[in-house]
Amino acid sequence: MEQAVHVLLTGCMVVLAACIFLCLIRAIIGPRISDRIVAINMIGTMTMIIIAIMSVLLSEGYLIDVAMIYAMISFLAVVVLTKVYMGVYVERKKKEEAAKEEEKNGVD
C-alpha cells in the first residue's frame, strides 16, 4: 500500500510539473497582461502543491512551512504585478485620451 501511495504522489508531481510547463508557455505567449499574471499565479500555486507533496513523500514537516512562506511570497508578487499593470494601464489610457483631444483640437 505504501508503494502505491508513493507512485500516486510521484505521478501527481509529474502531472503538476507538466502543468507548470504549460503555464510557462501561457505566460510567455499570453496575448494580454492579465493572462500572464494569472499564469504566474498558477505556477506559484502548483509549485506550492509540489512542495507539500514532497513533504508527505519525504516525511519532513518543515517543508509545509516552506510551502506556506512560498504561498505568501507568491501572493505578494501577484499583487505587485497587478498594481504595476494597473499603473501602466491608467497611464496608457491617459495618453490615448490626450492624443484624441489633440487630434480633435487639430481638426477644428
PDB file of N, CA and C in Angstrom:
ATOM      1  N   MET A   1       0.823  -1.201   0.000  1.00  0.00           N
ATOM      2  CA  MET A   1       0.000   0.000   0.000  1.00  0.00           C
ATOM      3  C   MET A   1       0.865   1.263   0.000  1.00  0.00           C
ATOM      4  N   GLU A   2       1.937   1.233   0.760  1.00  0.00           N
ATOM      5  CA  GLU A   2       2.820   2.384   0.831  1.00  0.00           C
ATOM      6  C   GLU A   2       3.457   2.684  -0.520  1.00  0.00           C
ATOM      7  N   GLN A   3       3.796   1.634  -1.250  1.00  0.00           N
ATOM      8  CA  GLN A   3       4.393   1.829  -2.571  1.00  0.00           C
ATOM      9  C   GLN A   3       3.367   2.421  -3.544  1.00  0.00           C
ATOM     10  N   ALA A   4       2.108   2.033  -3.429  1.00  0.00           N
ATOM     11  CA  ALA A   4       1.066   2.587  -4.298  1.00  0.00           C
ATOM     12  C   ALA A   4       0.881   4.079  -4.038  1.00  0.00           C
ATOM     13  N   VAL A   5       0.901   4.474  -2.768  1.00  0.00           N
ATOM     14  CA  VAL A   5       0.783   5.890  -2.426  1.00  0.00           C
ATOM     15  C   VAL A   5       1.985   6.658  -2.962  1.00  0.00           C
ATOM     16  N   HIS A   6       3.157   6.063  -2.849  1.00  0.00           N
ATOM     17  CA  HIS A   6       4.377   6.694  -3.346  1.00  0.00           C
ATOM     18  C   HIS A   6       4.285   6.916  -4.866  1.00  0.00           C
ATOM     19  N   VAL A   7       3.827   5.905  -5.586  1.00  0.00           N
ATOM     20  CA  VAL A   7       3.693   6.013  -7.048  1.00  0.00           C
ATOM     21  C   VAL A   7       2.639   7.064  -7.405  1.00  0.00           C
ATOM     22  N   LEU A   8       1.526   7.071  -6.678  1.00  0.00           N
ATOM     23  CA  LEU A   8       0.464   8.043  -6.942  1.00  0.00           C
ATOM     24  C   LEU A   8       0.947   9.474  -6.715  1.00  0.00           C
ATOM     25  N   LEU A   9       1.629   9.712  -5.614  1.00  0.00           N
ATOM     26  CA  LEU A   9       2.119  11.063  -5.325  1.00  0.00           C
ATOM     27  C   LEU A   9       3.200  11.499  -6.312  1.00  0.00           C
ATOM     28  N   THR A  10       4.045  10.553  -6.714  1.00  0.00           N
ATOM     29  CA  THR A  10       5.060  10.875  -7.714  1.00  0.00           C
ATOM     30  C   THR A  10       4.402  11.203  -9.045  1.00  0.00           C
ATOM     31  N   GLY A  11       3.368  10.458  -9.402  1.00  0.00           N
ATOM     32  CA  GLY A  11       2.625  10.750 -10.632  1.00  0.00           C
ATOM     33  C   GLY A  11       1.965  12.116 -10.582  1.00  0.00           C
ATOM     34  N   CYS A  12       1.425  12.456  -9.419  1.00  0.00           N
ATOM     35  CA  CYS A  12       0.829  13.791  -9.252  1.00  0.00           C
ATOM     36  C   CYS A  12       1.868  14.886  -9.453  1.00  0.00           C
ATOM     37  N   MET A  13       3.065  14.671  -8.925  1.00  0.00           N
ATOM     38  CA  MET A  13       4.123  15.675  -9.094  1.00  0.00           C
ATOM     39  C   MET A  13       4.528  15.817 -10.553  1.00  0.00           C
ATOM     40  N   VAL A  14       4.554  14.715 -11.290  1.00  0.00           N
ATOM     41  CA  VAL A  14       4.901  14.770 -12.713  1.00  0.00           C
ATOM     42  C   VAL A  14       3.831  15.534 -13.490  1.00  0.00           C
ATOM     43  N   VAL A  15       2.569  15.246 -13.194  1.00  0.00           N
ATOM     44  CA  VAL A  15       1.471  15.947 -13.868  1.00  0.00           C
ATOM     45  C   VAL A  15       1.518  17.440 -13.542  1.00  0.00           C
ATOM     46  N   LEU A  16       1.771  17.779 -12.296  1.00  0.00           N
ATOM     47  CA  LEU A  16       1.875  19.193 -11.915  1.00  0.00           C
ATOM     48  C   LEU A  16       3.054  19.872 -12.601  1.00  0.00           C
ATOM     49  N   ALA A  17       4.160  19.150 -12.758  1.00  0.00           N
ATOM     50  CA  ALA A  17       5.316  19.720 -13.459  1.00  0.00           C
ATOM     51  C   ALA A  17       4.960  20.009 -14.919  1.00  0.00           C
ATOM     52  N   ALA A  18       4.206  19.107 -15.546  1.00  0.00           N
ATOM     53  CA  ALA A  18       3.762  19.344 -16.924  1.00  0.00           C
ATOM     54  C   ALA A  18       2.827  20.553 -16.988  1.00  0.00           C
ATOM     55  N   CYS A  19       1.956  20.687 -16.007  1.00  0.00           N
ATOM     56  CA  CYS A  19       1.052  21.840 -15.962  1.00  0.00           C
ATOM     57  C   CYS A  19       1.826  23.141 -15.761  1.00  0.00           C
ATOM     58  N   ILE A  20       2.872  23.092 -14.957  1.00  0.00           N
ATOM     59  CA  ILE A  20       3.717  24.277 -14.764  1.00  0.00           C
ATOM     60  C   ILE A  20       4.355  24.674 -16.087  1.00  0.00           C
ATOM     61  N   PHE A  21       4.803  23.690 -16.848  1.00  0.00           N
ATOM     62  CA  PHE A  21       5.401  23.973 -18.154  1.00  0.00           C
ATOM     63  C   PHE A  21       4.379  24.627 -19.084  1.00  0.00           C
ATOM     64  N   LEU A  22       3.145  24.120 -19.084  1.00  0.00           N
ATOM     65  CA  LEU A  22       2.096  24.712 -19.919  1.00  0.00           C
ATOM     66  C   LEU A  22       1.771  26.135 -19.477  1.00  0.00           C
ATOM     67  N   CYS A  23       1.770  26.370 -18.169  1.00  0.00           N
ATOM     68  CA  CYS A  23       1.533  27.730 -17.664  1.00  0.00           C
ATOM     69  C   CYS A  23       2.675  28.659 -18.042  1.00  0.00           C
ATOM     70  N   LEU A  24       3.875  28.126 -18.079  1.00  0.00           N
ATOM     71  CA  LEU A  24       5.019  28.932 -18.501  1.00  0.00           C
ATOM     72  C   LEU A  24       4.860  29.357 -19.954  1.00  0.00           C
ATOM     73  N   ILE A  25       4.382  28.439 -20.780  1.00  0.00           N
ATOM     74  CA  ILE A  25       4.125  28.782 -22.181  1.00  0.00           C
ATOM     75  C   ILE A  25       3.053  29.870 -22.261  1.00  0.00           C
ATOM     76  N   ARG A  26       1.985  29.742 -21.457  1.00  0.00           N
ATOM     77  CA  ARG A  26       0.928  30.764 -21.456  1.00  0.00           C
ATOM     78  C   ARG A  26       1.473  32.101 -20.978  1.00  0.00           C
ATOM     79  N   ALA A  27       2.374  32.073 -20.014  1.00  0.00           N
ATOM     80  CA  ALA A  27       2.951  33.321 -19.514  1.00  0.00           C
ATOM     81  C   ALA A  27       3.815  33.993 -20.569  1.00  0.00           C
ATOM     82  N   ILE A  28       4.418  33.211 -21.431  1.00  0.00           N
ATOM     83  CA  ILE A  28       5.284  33.784 -22.468  1.00  0.00           C
ATOM     84  C   ILE A  28       4.463  34.298 -23.640  1.00  0.00           C
ATOM     85  N   ILE A  29       3.488  33.507 -24.134  1.00  0.00           N
ATOM     86  CA  ILE A  29       2.764  33.892 -25.340  1.00  0.00           C
ATOM     87  C   ILE A  29       1.398  34.506 -25.064  1.00  0.00           C
ATOM     88  N   GLY A  30       1.023  34.624 -23.805  1.00  0.00           N
ATOM     89  CA  GLY A  30      -0.298  35.167 -23.469  1.00  0.00           C
ATOM     90  C   GLY A  30      -0.542  36.491 -24.167  1.00  0.00           C
ATOM     91  N   PRO A  31      -1.668  36.614 -24.857  1.00  0.00           N
ATOM     92  CA  PRO A  31      -1.876  37.853 -25.609  1.00  0.00           C
ATOM     93  C   PRO A  31      -2.083  39.080 -24.721  1.00  0.00           C
ATOM     94  N   ARG A  32      -2.604  38.880 -23.530  1.00  0.00           N
ATOM     95  CA  ARG A  32      -2.845  40.016 -22.637  1.00  0.00           C
ATOM     96  C   ARG A  32      -1.993  39.873 -21.381  1.00  0.00           C
ATOM     97  N   ILE A  33      -1.794  41.003 -20.730  1.00  0.00           N
ATOM     98  CA  ILE A  33      -1.033  41.006 -19.481  1.00  0.00           C
ATOM     99  C   ILE A  33      -1.775  40.218 -18.410  1.00  0.00           C
ATOM    100  N   SER A  34      -3.089  40.308 -18.405  1.00  0.00           N
ATOM    101  CA  SER A  34      -3.859  39.582 -17.392  1.00  0.00           C
ATOM    102  C   SER A  34      -3.663  38.074 -17.524  1.00  0.00           C
ATOM    103  N   ASP A  35      -3.542  37.560 -18.754  1.00  0.00           N
ATOM    104  CA  ASP A  35      -3.256  36.138 -18.948  1.00  0.00           C
ATOM    105  C   ASP A  35      -1.913  35.765 -18.333  1.00  0.00           C
ATOM    106  N   ARG A  36      -0.954  36.636 -18.507  1.00  0.00           N
ATOM    107  CA  ARG A  36       0.380  36.372 -17.966  1.00  0.00           C
ATOM    108  C   ARG A  36       0.378  36.386 -16.439  1.00  0.00           C
ATOM    109  N   ILE A  37      -0.354  37.319 -15.851  1.00  0.00           N
ATOM    110  CA  ILE A  37      -0.404  37.394 -14.390  1.00  0.00           C
ATOM    111  C   ILE A  37      -1.080  36.158 -13.812  1.00  0.00           C
ATOM    112  N   VAL A  38      -2.167  35.719 -14.437  1.00  0.00           N
ATOM    113  CA  VAL A  38      -2.860  34.512 -13.963  1.00  0.00           C
ATOM    114  C   VAL A  38      -1.963  33.292 -14.119  1.00  0.00           C
ATOM    115  N   ALA A  39      -1.230  33.205 -15.218  1.00  0.00           N
ATOM    116  CA  ALA A  39      -0.334  32.071 -15.422  1.00  0.00           C
ATOM    117  C   ALA A  39       0.769  32.053 -14.364  1.00  0.00           C
ATOM    118  N   ILE A  40       1.304  33.198 -14.023  1.00  0.00           N
ATOM    119  CA  ILE A  40       2.336  33.264 -12.985  1.00  0.00           C
ATOM    120  C   ILE A  40       1.764  32.865 -11.631  1.00  0.00           C
ATOM    121  N   ASN A  41       0.535  33.285 -11.363  1.00  0.00           N
ATOM    122  CA  ASN A  41      -0.120  32.897 -10.116  1.00  0.00           C
ATOM    123  C   ASN A  41      -0.333  31.381 -10.063  1.00  0.00           C
ATOM    124  N   MET A  42      -0.732  30.797 -11.179  1.00  0.00           N
ATOM    125  CA  MET A  42      -0.925  29.347 -11.227  1.00  0.00           C
ATOM    126  C   MET A  42       0.385  28.592 -11.037  1.00  0.00           C
ATOM    127  N   ILE A  43       1.463  29.110 -11.605  1.00  0.00           N
ATOM    128  CA  ILE A  43       2.770  28.477 -11.422  1.00  0.00           C
ATOM    129  C   ILE A  43       3.144  28.475  -9.946  1.00  0.00           C
ATOM    130  N   GLY A  44       2.924  29.586  -9.273  1.00  0.00           N
ATOM    131  CA  GLY A  44       3.225  29.666  -7.840  1.00  0.00           C
ATOM    132  C   GLY A  44       2.387  28.694  -7.030  1.00  0.00           C
ATOM    133  N   THR A  45       1.107  28.586  -7.365  1.00  0.00           N
ATOM    134  CA  THR A  45       0.226  27.678  -6.635  1.00  0.00           C
ATOM    135  C   THR A  45       0.639  26.223  -6.843  1.00  0.00           C
ATOM    136  N   MET A  46       0.940  25.860  -8.067  1.00  0.00           N
ATOM    137  CA  MET A  46       1.334  24.475  -8.335  1.00  0.00           C
ATOM    138  C   MET A  46       2.684  24.138  -7.710  1.00  0.00           C
ATOM    139  N   THR A  47       3.580  25.108  -7.673  1.00  0.00           N
ATOM    140  CA  THR A  47       4.863  24.883  -7.004  1.00  0.00           C
ATOM    141  C   THR A  47       4.647  24.628  -5.522  1.00  0.00           C
ATOM    142  N   MET A  48       3.754  25.381  -4.925  1.00  0.00           N
ATOM    143  CA  MET A  48       3.433  25.187  -3.519  1.00  0.00           C
ATOM    144  C   MET A  48       2.852  23.788  -3.280  1.00  0.00           C
ATOM    145  N   ILE A  49       2.000  23.315  -4.176  1.00  0.00           N
ATOM    146  CA  ILE A  49       1.424  21.974  -4.042  1.00  0.00           C
ATOM    147  C   ILE A  49       2.506  20.910  -4.181  1.00  0.00           C
ATOM    148  N   ILE A  50       3.426  21.106  -5.108  1.00  0.00           N
ATOM    149  CA  ILE A  50       4.525  20.146  -5.272  1.00  0.00           C
ATOM    150  C   ILE A  50       5.373  20.085  -4.010  1.00  0.00           C
ATOM    151  N   ILE A  51       5.636  21.217  -3.398  1.00  0.00           N
ATOM    152  CA  ILE A  51       6.411  21.228  -2.152  1.00  0.00           C
ATOM    153  C   ILE A  51       5.652  20.478  -1.057  1.00  0.00           C
ATOM    154  N   ALA A  52       4.335  20.663  -0.990  1.00  0.00           N
ATOM    155  CA  ALA A  52       3.534  19.949   0.015  1.00  0.00           C
ATOM    156  C   ALA A  52       3.549  18.440  -0.230  1.00  0.00           C
ATOM    157  N   ILE A  53       3.471  18.022  -1.482  1.00  0.00           N
ATOM    158  CA  ILE A  53       3.535  16.591  -1.802  1.00  0.00           C
ATOM    159  C   ILE A  53       4.901  16.030  -1.436  1.00  0.00           C
ATOM    160  N   MET A  54       5.952  16.795  -1.706  1.00  0.00           N
ATOM    161  CA  MET A  54       7.295  16.343  -1.322  1.00  0.00           C
ATOM    162  C   MET A  54       7.410  16.206   0.189  1.00  0.00           C
ATOM    163  N   SER A  55       6.722  17.062   0.918  1.00  0.00           N
ATOM    164  CA  SER A  55       6.720  16.965   2.376  1.00  0.00           C
ATOM    165  C   SER A  55       6.137  15.633   2.828  1.00  0.00           C
ATOM    166  N   VAL A  56       5.074  15.200   2.175  1.00  0.00           N
ATOM    167  CA  VAL A  56       4.460  13.914   2.514  1.00  0.00           C
ATOM    168  C   VAL A  56       5.373  12.762   2.114  1.00  0.00           C
ATOM    169  N   LEU A  57       5.944  12.844   0.918  1.00  0.00           N
ATOM    170  CA  LEU A  57       6.813  11.766   0.440  1.00  0.00           C
ATOM    171  C   LEU A  57       8.062  11.597   1.298  1.00  0.00           C
ATOM    172  N   LEU A  58       8.643  12.708   1.694  1.00  0.00           N
ATOM    173  CA  LEU A  58       9.896  12.646   2.456  1.00  0.00           C
ATOM    174  C   LEU A  58       9.682  12.620   3.966  1.00  0.00           C
ATOM    175  N   SER A  59       8.443  12.756   4.394  1.00  0.00           N
ATOM    176  CA  SER A  59       8.097  12.803   5.824  1.00  0.00           C
ATOM    177  C   SER A  59       8.865  13.901   6.558  1.00  0.00           C
ATOM    178  N   GLU A  60       8.918  15.059   5.931  1.00  0.00           N
ATOM    179  CA  GLU A  60       9.602  16.214   6.508  1.00  0.00           C
ATOM    180  C   GLU A  60       8.584  17.323   6.716  1.00  0.00           C
ATOM    181  N   GLY A  61       8.285  17.644   7.963  1.00  0.00           N
ATOM    182  CA  GLY A  61       7.281  18.641   8.294  1.00  0.00           C
ATOM    183  C   GLY A  61       7.677  20.063   7.978  1.00  0.00           C
ATOM    184  N   TYR A  62       8.976  20.343   7.956  1.00  0.00           N
ATOM    185  CA  TYR A  62       9.411  21.717   7.718  1.00  0.00           C
ATOM    186  C   TYR A  62       9.098  22.173   6.302  1.00  0.00           C
ATOM    187  N   LEU A  63       8.896  21.233   5.378  1.00  0.00           N
ATOM    188  CA  LEU A  63       8.581  21.626   4.008  1.00  0.00           C
ATOM    189  C   LEU A  63       7.200  22.279   3.907  1.00  0.00           C
ATOM    190  N   ILE A  64       6.303  21.946   4.827  1.00  0.00           N
ATOM    191  CA  ILE A  64       4.994  22.610   4.853  1.00  0.00           C
ATOM    192  C   ILE A  64       5.184  24.090   5.187  1.00  0.00           C
ATOM    193  N   ASP A  65       6.100  24.382   6.110  1.00  0.00           N
ATOM    194  CA  ASP A  65       6.404  25.776   6.427  1.00  0.00           C
ATOM    195  C   ASP A  65       6.977  26.500   5.217  1.00  0.00           C
ATOM    196  N   VAL A  66       7.840  25.808   4.489  1.00  0.00           N
ATOM    197  CA  VAL A  66       8.416  26.385   3.269  1.00  0.00           C
ATOM    198  C   VAL A  66       7.312  26.671   2.257  1.00  0.00           C
ATOM    199  N   ALA A  67       6.365  25.740   2.125  1.00  0.00           N
ATOM    200  CA  ALA A  67       5.260  25.927   1.186  1.00  0.00           C
ATOM    201  C   ALA A  67       4.394  27.117   1.579  1.00  0.00           C
ATOM    202  N   MET A  68       4.149  27.288   2.867  1.00  0.00           N
ATOM    203  CA  MET A  68       3.338  28.420   3.322  1.00  0.00           C
ATOM    204  C   MET A  68       4.053  29.747   3.080  1.00  0.00           C
ATOM    205  N   ILE A  69       5.349  29.794   3.331  1.00  0.00           N
ATOM    206  CA  ILE A  69       6.116  31.012   3.062  1.00  0.00           C
ATOM    207  C   ILE A  69       6.135  31.302   1.568  1.00  0.00           C
ATOM    208  N   TYR A  70       6.285  30.255   0.775  1.00  0.00           N
ATOM    209  CA  TYR A  70       6.259  30.420  -0.678  1.00  0.00           C
ATOM    210  C   TYR A  70       4.904  30.959  -1.136  1.00  0.00           C
ATOM    211  N   ALA A  71       3.820  30.499  -0.514  1.00  0.00           N
ATOM    212  CA  ALA A  71       2.480  30.977  -0.869  1.00  0.00           C
ATOM    213  C   ALA A  71       2.348  32.467  -0.584  1.00  0.00           C
ATOM    214  N   MET A  72       2.859  32.905   0.559  1.00  0.00           N
ATOM    215  CA  MET A  72       2.782  34.329   0.895  1.00  0.00           C
ATOM    216  C   MET A  72       3.596  35.172  -0.079  1.00  0.00           C
ATOM    217  N   ILE A  73       4.791  34.710  -0.416  1.00  0.00           N
ATOM    218  CA  ILE A  73       5.634  35.451  -1.357  1.00  0.00           C
ATOM    219  C   ILE A  73       4.986  35.486  -2.738  1.00  0.00           C
ATOM    220  N   SER A  74       4.417  34.366  -3.164  1.00  0.00           N
ATOM    221  CA  SER A  74       3.751  34.304  -4.461  1.00  0.00           C
ATOM    222  C   SER A  74       2.556  35.252  -4.507  1.00  0.00           C
ATOM    223  N   PHE A  75       1.786  35.285  -3.432  1.00  0.00           N
ATOM    224  CA  PHE A  75       0.638  36.190  -3.370  1.00  0.00           C
ATOM    225  C   PHE A  75       1.093  37.642  -3.475  1.00  0.00           C
ATOM    226  N   LEU A  76       2.127  38.000  -2.737  1.00  0.00           N
ATOM    227  CA  LEU A  76       2.625  39.372  -2.789  1.00  0.00           C
ATOM    228  C   LEU A  76       3.158  39.721  -4.177  1.00  0.00           C
ATOM    229  N   ALA A  77       3.803  38.766  -4.826  1.00  0.00           N
ATOM    230  CA  ALA A  77       4.314  39.018  -6.175  1.00  0.00           C
ATOM    231  C   ALA A  77       3.174  39.293  -7.147  1.00  0.00           C
ATOM    232  N   VAL A  78       2.095  38.538  -7.044  1.00  0.00           N
ATOM    233  CA  VAL A  78       0.954  38.749  -7.931  1.00  0.00           C
ATOM    234  C   VAL A  78       0.295  40.100  -7.640  1.00  0.00           C
ATOM    235  N   VAL A  79       0.200  40.469  -6.383  1.00  0.00           N
ATOM    236  CA  VAL A  79      -0.381  41.777  -6.036  1.00  0.00           C
ATOM    237  C   VAL A  79       0.478  42.906  -6.606  1.00  0.00           C
ATOM    238  N   VAL A  80       1.784  42.782  -6.495  1.00  0.00           N
ATOM    239  CA  VAL A  80       2.681  43.818  -7.019  1.00  0.00           C
ATOM    240  C   VAL A  80       2.579  43.877  -8.544  1.00  0.00           C
ATOM    241  N   LEU A  81       2.572  42.724  -9.207  1.00  0.00           N
ATOM    242  CA  LEU A  81       2.447  42.712 -10.666  1.00  0.00           C
ATOM    243  C   LEU A  81       1.131  43.342 -11.113  1.00  0.00           C
ATOM    244  N   THR A  82       0.065  43.048 -10.399  1.00  0.00           N
ATOM    245  CA  THR A  82      -1.231  43.632 -10.737  1.00  0.00           C
ATOM    246  C   THR A  82      -1.215  45.138 -10.540  1.00  0.00           C
ATOM    247  N   LYS A  83      -0.610  45.594  -9.462  1.00  0.00           N
ATOM    248  CA  LYS A  83      -0.521  47.037  -9.191  1.00  0.00           C
ATOM    249  C   LYS A  83       0.282  47.739 -10.286  1.00  0.00           C
ATOM    250  N   VAL A  84       1.391  47.147 -10.691  1.00  0.00           N
ATOM    251  CA  VAL A  84       2.210  47.722 -11.761  1.00  0.00           C
ATOM    252  C   VAL A  84       1.421  47.749 -13.062  1.00  0.00           C
ATOM    253  N   TYR A  85       0.724  46.651 -13.354  1.00  0.00           N
ATOM    254  CA  TYR A  85      -0.064  46.582 -14.584  1.00  0.00           C
ATOM    255  C   TYR A  85      -1.149  47.647 -14.587  1.00  0.00           C
ATOM    256  N   MET A  86      -1.821  47.842 -13.467  1.00  0.00           N
ATOM    257  CA  MET A  86      -2.879  48.851 -13.406  1.00  0.00           C
ATOM    258  C   MET A  86      -2.303  50.252 -13.609  1.00  0.00           C
ATOM    259  N   GLY A  87      -1.118  50.522 -13.074  1.00  0.00           N
ATOM    260  CA  GLY A  87      -0.470  51.812 -13.284  1.00  0.00           C
ATOM    261  C   GLY A  87      -0.146  52.046 -14.748  1.00  0.00           C
ATOM    262  N   VAL A  88       0.368  51.016 -15.423  1.00  0.00           N
ATOM    263  CA  VAL A  88       0.690  51.117 -16.847  1.00  0.00           C
ATOM    264  C   VAL A  88      -0.595  51.315 -17.649  1.00  0.00           C
ATOM    265  N   TYR A  89      -1.660  50.607 -17.277  1.00  0.00           N
ATOM    266  CA  TYR A  89      -2.934  50.700 -17.983  1.00  0.00           C
ATOM    267  C   TYR A  89      -3.521  52.103 -17.872  1.00  0.00           C
ATOM    268  N   VAL A  90      -3.514  52.664 -16.668  1.00  0.00           N
ATOM    269  CA  VAL A  90      -4.052  54.010 -16.465  1.00  0.00           C
ATOM    270  C   VAL A  90      -3.227  55.035 -17.240  1.00  0.00           C
ATOM    271  N   GLU A  91      -1.914  54.876 -17.226  1.00  0.00           N
ATOM    272  CA  GLU A  91      -1.046  55.809 -17.958  1.00  0.00           C
ATOM    273  C   GLU A  91      -1.312  55.729 -19.457  1.00  0.00           C
ATOM    274  N   ARG A  92      -1.492  54.523 -19.976  1.00  0.00           N
ATOM    275  CA  ARG A  92      -1.764  54.335 -21.398  1.00  0.00           C
ATOM    276  C   ARG A  92      -3.099  54.984 -21.777  1.00  0.00           C
ATOM    277  N   LYS A  93      -4.111  54.831 -20.917  1.00  0.00           N
ATOM    278  CA  LYS A  93      -5.418  55.438 -21.190  1.00  0.00           C
ATOM    279  C   LYS A  93      -5.317  56.962 -21.219  1.00  0.00           C
ATOM    280  N   LYS A  94      -4.531  57.534 -20.294  1.00  0.00           N
ATOM    281  CA  LYS A  94      -4.365  58.991 -20.274  1.00  0.00           C
ATOM    282  C   LYS A  94      -3.697  59.478 -21.552  1.00  0.00           C
ATOM    283  N   LYS A  95      -2.693  58.733 -22.043  1.00  0.00           N
ATOM    284  CA  LYS A  95      -2.019  59.119 -23.285  1.00  0.00           C
ATOM    285  C   LYS A  95      -2.966  59.033 -24.465  1.00  0.00           C
ATOM    286  N   GLU A  96      -3.799  57.988 -24.498  1.00  0.00           N
ATOM    287  CA  GLU A  96      -4.764  57.852 -25.592  1.00  0.00           C
ATOM    288  C   GLU A  96      -5.778  58.984 -25.569  1.00  0.00           C
ATOM    289  N   GLU A  97      -6.252  59.344 -24.386  1.00  0.00           N
ATOM    290  CA  GLU A  97      -7.206  60.453 -24.272  1.00  0.00           C
ATOM    291  C   GLU A  97      -6.561  61.768 -24.688  1.00  0.00           C
ATOM    292  N   ALA A  98      -5.300  61.973 -24.310  1.00  0.00           N
ATOM    293  CA  ALA A  98      -4.597  63.196 -24.702  1.00  0.00           C
ATOM    294  C   ALA A  98      -4.410  63.241 -26.213  1.00  0.00           C
ATOM    295  N   ALA A  99      -4.104  62.098 -26.827  1.00  0.00           N
ATOM    296  CA  ALA A  99      -3.929  62.056 -28.279  1.00  0.00           C
ATOM    297  C   ALA A  99      -5.250  62.339 -28.987  1.00  0.00           C
ATOM    298  N   LYS A 100      -6.353  61.810 -28.468  1.00  0.00           N
ATOM    299  CA  LYS A 100      -7.668  62.071 -29.064  1.00  0.00           C
ATOM    300  C   LYS A 100      -8.029  63.546 -28.932  1.00  0.00           C
ATOM    301  N   GLU A 101      -7.735  64.116 -27.784  1.00  0.00           N
ATOM    302  CA  GLU A 101      -8.020  65.529 -27.553  1.00  0.00           C
ATOM    303  C   GLU A 101      -7.194  66.399 -28.495  1.00  0.00           C
ATOM    304  N   GLU A 102      -5.929  66.027 -28.682  1.00  0.00           N
ATOM    305  CA  GLU A 102      -5.057  66.769 -29.581  1.00  0.00           C
ATOM    306  C   GLU A 102      -5.548  66.665 -31.018  1.00  0.00           C
ATOM    307  N   GLU A 103      -5.979  65.477 -31.401  1.00  0.00           N
ATOM    308  CA  GLU A 103      -6.489  65.256 -32.747  1.00  0.00           C
ATOM    309  C   GLU A 103      -7.777  66.055 -32.971  1.00  0.00           C
ATOM    310  N   LYS A 104      -8.611  66.090 -31.953  1.00  0.00           N
ATOM    311  CA  LYS A 104      -9.868  66.823 -32.025  1.00  0.00           C
ATOM    312  C   LYS A 104      -9.609  68.324 -32.161  1.00  0.00           C
ATOM    313  N   ASN A 105      -8.646  68.840 -31.396  1.00  0.00           N
ATOM    314  CA  ASN A 105      -8.301  70.267 -31.466  1.00  0.00           C
ATOM    315  C   ASN A 105      -7.607  70.618 -32.775  1.00  0.00           C
ATOM    316  N   GLY A 106      -6.849  69.680 -33.325  1.00  0.00           N
ATOM    317  CA  GLY A 106      -6.128  69.919 -34.575  1.00  0.00           C
ATOM    318  C   GLY A 106      -7.055  69.927 -35.763  1.00  0.00           C
ATOM    319  N   VAL A 107      -8.138  69.167 -35.721  1.00  0.00           N
ATOM    320  CA  VAL A 107      -9.086  69.097 -36.833  1.00  0.00           C
ATOM    321  C   VAL A 107      -9.927  70.369 -36.892  1.00  0.00           C
ATOM    322  N   ASP A 108     -10.297  70.926 -35.742  1.00  0.00           N
ATOM    323  CA  ASP A 108     -11.143  72.128 -35.711  1.00  0.00           C
ATOM    324  C   ASP A 108     -10.402  73.296 -36.213  1.00  0.00           C
TER     325      ASP A 108
END
